[in-house]
Amino acid sequence: METVRNGGYVEGHETVRMKKRGEIIHISLNVSPIIDAEGTIIGASAIGIDITARKKVEEELRESEAQFRQLAESLPQLVWMAGPDGPSPT
């Protein structure tokens, strides 16, 4: 809020909130100052976007990458990949 008090704009600030029924949701906030005709900051305007689904997909991707990395590191032999030009060692 200090940024907004100084006339700045906050974009994409991620935070976690709880709904009335106890459900946790992830929110991305954009906040800007409201300035009167004299240039005095008289309030703030905030727009919140629910990014819970995006956060879930990001976590699933991290878990998938970790599983793949663990599998690749546990392979004791040399692994070969084939591309359009034929096999190449990795």
C-alpha atoms as a PDB file:
ATOM      1  CA  MET A   1       0.000   0.000   0.000  1.00  0.00           C
ATOM      2  CA  GLU A   2       2.992   2.286   0.487  1.00  0.00           C
ATOM      3  CA  THR A   3       3.492   2.343  -3.298  1.00  0.00           C
ATOM      4  CA  VAL A   4      -0.119   3.462  -3.833  1.00  0.00           C
ATOM      5  CA  ARG A   5       0.139   6.081  -1.043  1.00  0.00           C
ATOM      6  CA  ASN A   6       3.074   7.547  -2.975  1.00  0.00           C
ATOM      7  CA  GLY A   7       1.061   7.678  -6.214  1.00  0.00           C
ATOM      8  CA  GLY A   8       2.346   4.438  -7.706  1.00  0.00           C
ATOM      9  CA  TYR A   9       0.533   1.546  -9.295  1.00  0.00           C
ATOM     10  CA  VAL A  10       0.790  -2.074  -8.114  1.00  0.00           C
ATOM     11  CA  GLU A  11       0.271  -4.709 -10.785  1.00  0.00           C
ATOM     12  CA  GLY A  12       0.015  -8.470 -10.344  1.00  0.00           C
ATOM     13  CA  HIS A  13       0.481  -8.620  -6.563  1.00  0.00           C
ATOM     14  CA  GLU A  14      -0.349 -12.221  -5.643  1.00  0.00           C
ATOM     15  CA  THR A  15      -1.999 -13.008  -2.342  1.00  0.00           C
ATOM     16  CA  VAL A  16      -4.074 -15.752  -0.720  1.00  0.00           C
ATOM     17  CA  ARG A  17      -7.548 -15.158   0.710  1.00  0.00           C
ATOM     18  CA  MET A  18     -10.195 -17.263   2.413  1.00  0.00           C
ATOM     19  CA  LYS A  19     -13.811 -17.295   1.274  1.00  0.00           C
ATOM     20  CA  LYS A  20     -16.676 -17.211   3.790  1.00  0.00           C
ATOM     21  CA  ARG A  21     -16.998 -20.999   3.656  1.00  0.00           C
ATOM     22  CA  GLY A  22     -13.292 -21.479   4.396  1.00  0.00           C
ATOM     23  CA  GLU A  23     -12.089 -22.154   0.844  1.00  0.00           C
ATOM     24  CA  ILE A  24      -8.598 -20.817   0.111  1.00  0.00           C
ATOM     25  CA  ILE A  25      -8.230 -18.916  -3.171  1.00  0.00           C
ATOM     26  CA  HIS A  26      -5.272 -17.251  -4.897  1.00  0.00           C
ATOM     27  CA  ILE A  27      -5.784 -13.667  -6.061  1.00  0.00           C
ATOM     28  CA  SER A  28      -3.774 -11.371  -8.338  1.00  0.00           C
ATOM     29  CA  LEU A  29      -4.338  -7.710  -7.408  1.00  0.00           C
ATOM     30  CA  ASN A  30      -3.901  -4.556  -9.445  1.00  0.00           C
ATOM     31  CA  VAL A  31      -4.118  -1.430  -7.271  1.00  0.00           C
ATOM     32  CA  SER A  32      -3.953   2.201  -8.330  1.00  0.00           C
ATOM     33  CA  PRO A  33      -4.437   5.482  -6.489  1.00  0.00           C
ATOM     34  CA  ILE A  34      -7.585   7.590  -6.884  1.00  0.00           C
ATOM     35  CA  ILE A  35      -6.513  11.204  -7.272  1.00  0.00           C
ATOM     36  CA  ASP A  36      -8.776  14.251  -6.994  1.00  0.00           C
ATOM     37  CA  ALA A  37      -8.626  17.403  -9.139  1.00  0.00           C
ATOM     38  CA  GLU A  38      -6.013  18.955  -6.838  1.00  0.00           C
ATOM     39  CA  GLY A  39      -3.714  15.951  -7.195  1.00  0.00           C
ATOM     40  CA  THR A  40      -4.397  14.592  -3.709  1.00  0.00           C
ATOM     41  CA  ILE A  41      -4.689  10.843  -3.300  1.00  0.00           C
ATOM     42  CA  ILE A  42      -8.133  10.229  -1.838  1.00  0.00           C
ATOM     43  CA  GLY A  43      -8.367   6.450  -2.109  1.00  0.00           C
ATOM     44  CA  ALA A  44      -7.348   3.365  -3.990  1.00  0.00           C
ATOM     45  CA  SER A  45      -8.954   1.268  -6.674  1.00  0.00           C
ATOM     46  CA  ALA A  46      -8.291  -2.474  -6.643  1.00  0.00           C
ATOM     47  CA  ILE A  47      -9.101  -5.182  -9.145  1.00  0.00           C
ATOM     48  CA  GLY A  48      -8.710  -8.766  -7.990  1.00  0.00           C
ATOM     49  CA  ILE A  49      -8.512 -11.749 -10.325  1.00  0.00           C
ATOM     50  CA  ASP A  50      -8.981 -15.301  -9.066  1.00  0.00           C
ATOM     51  CA  ILE A  51      -5.863 -17.205 -10.207  1.00  0.00           C
ATOM     52  CA  THR A  52      -6.541 -20.366  -8.190  1.00  0.00           C
ATOM     53  CA  ALA A  53      -6.824 -22.573 -11.298  1.00  0.00           C
ATOM     54  CA  ARG A  54      -3.548 -21.197 -12.698  1.00  0.00           C
ATOM     55  CA  LYS A  55      -1.779 -21.827  -9.386  1.00  0.00           C
ATOM     56  CA  LYS A  56      -3.084 -25.414  -9.363  1.00  0.00           C
ATOM     57  CA  VAL A  57      -1.756 -26.032 -12.890  1.00  0.00           C
ATOM     58  CA  GLU A  58       1.623 -24.498 -11.939  1.00  0.00           C
ATOM     59  CA  GLU A  59       1.871 -26.834  -8.929  1.00  0.00           C
ATOM     60  CA  GLU A  60       0.934 -29.865 -11.045  1.00  0.00           C
ATOM     61  CA  LEU A  61       3.626 -28.892 -13.557  1.00  0.00           C
ATOM     62  CA  ARG A  62       6.245 -28.563 -10.784  1.00  0.00           C
ATOM     63  CA  GLU A  63       5.292 -32.012  -9.468  1.00  0.00           C
ATOM     64  CA  SER A  64       5.466 -33.519 -12.969  1.00  0.00           C
ATOM     65  CA  GLU A  65       8.883 -31.952 -13.590  1.00  0.00           C
ATOM     66  CA  ALA A  66      10.147 -33.278 -10.248  1.00  0.00           C
ATOM     67  CA  GLN A  67       8.932 -36.797 -11.079  1.00  0.00           C
ATOM     68  CA  PHE A  68      10.566 -36.663 -14.525  1.00  0.00           C
ATOM     69  CA  ARG A  69      13.813 -35.334 -13.057  1.00  0.00           C
ATOM     70  CA  GLN A  70      13.836 -38.094 -10.421  1.00  0.00           C
ATOM     71  CA  LEU A  71      13.222 -40.735 -13.104  1.00  0.00           C
ATOM     72  CA  ALA A  72      15.970 -39.343 -15.360  1.00  0.00           C
ATOM     73  CA  GLU A  73      18.462 -39.196 -12.495  1.00  0.00           C
ATOM     74  CA  SER A  74      17.716 -42.772 -11.452  1.00  0.00           C
ATOM     75  CA  LEU A  75      18.461 -44.270 -14.885  1.00  0.00           C
ATOM     76  CA  PRO A  76      21.833 -46.032 -14.595  1.00  0.00           C
ATOM     77  CA  GLN A  77      22.532 -46.365 -18.324  1.00  0.00           C
ATOM     78  CA  LEU A  78      23.015 -43.910 -21.162  1.00  0.00           C
ATOM     79  CA  VAL A  79      19.781 -42.603 -22.651  1.00  0.00           C
ATOM     80  CA  TRP A  80      19.416 -41.917 -26.374  1.00  0.00           C
ATOM     81  CA  MET A  81      16.951 -39.565 -27.991  1.00  0.00           C
ATOM     82  CA  ALA A  82      16.030 -39.610 -31.652  1.00  0.00           C
ATOM     83  CA  GLY A  83      15.255 -36.422 -33.512  1.00  0.00           C
ATOM     84  CA  PRO A  84      14.467 -35.756 -37.158  1.00  0.00           C
ATOM     85  CA  ASP A  85      18.170 -36.213 -38.023  1.00  0.00           C
ATOM     86  CA  GLY A  86      18.483 -39.532 -36.208  1.00  0.00           C
ATOM     87  CA  PRO A  87      19.611 -40.593 -32.728  1.00  0.00           C
ATOM     88  CA  SER A  88      21.826 -38.375 -30.601  1.00  0.00           C
ATOM     89  CA  PRO A  89      23.270 -39.090 -27.113  1.00  0.00           C
ATOM     90  CA  THR A  90      22.003 -37.071 -24.137  1.00  0.00           C
END
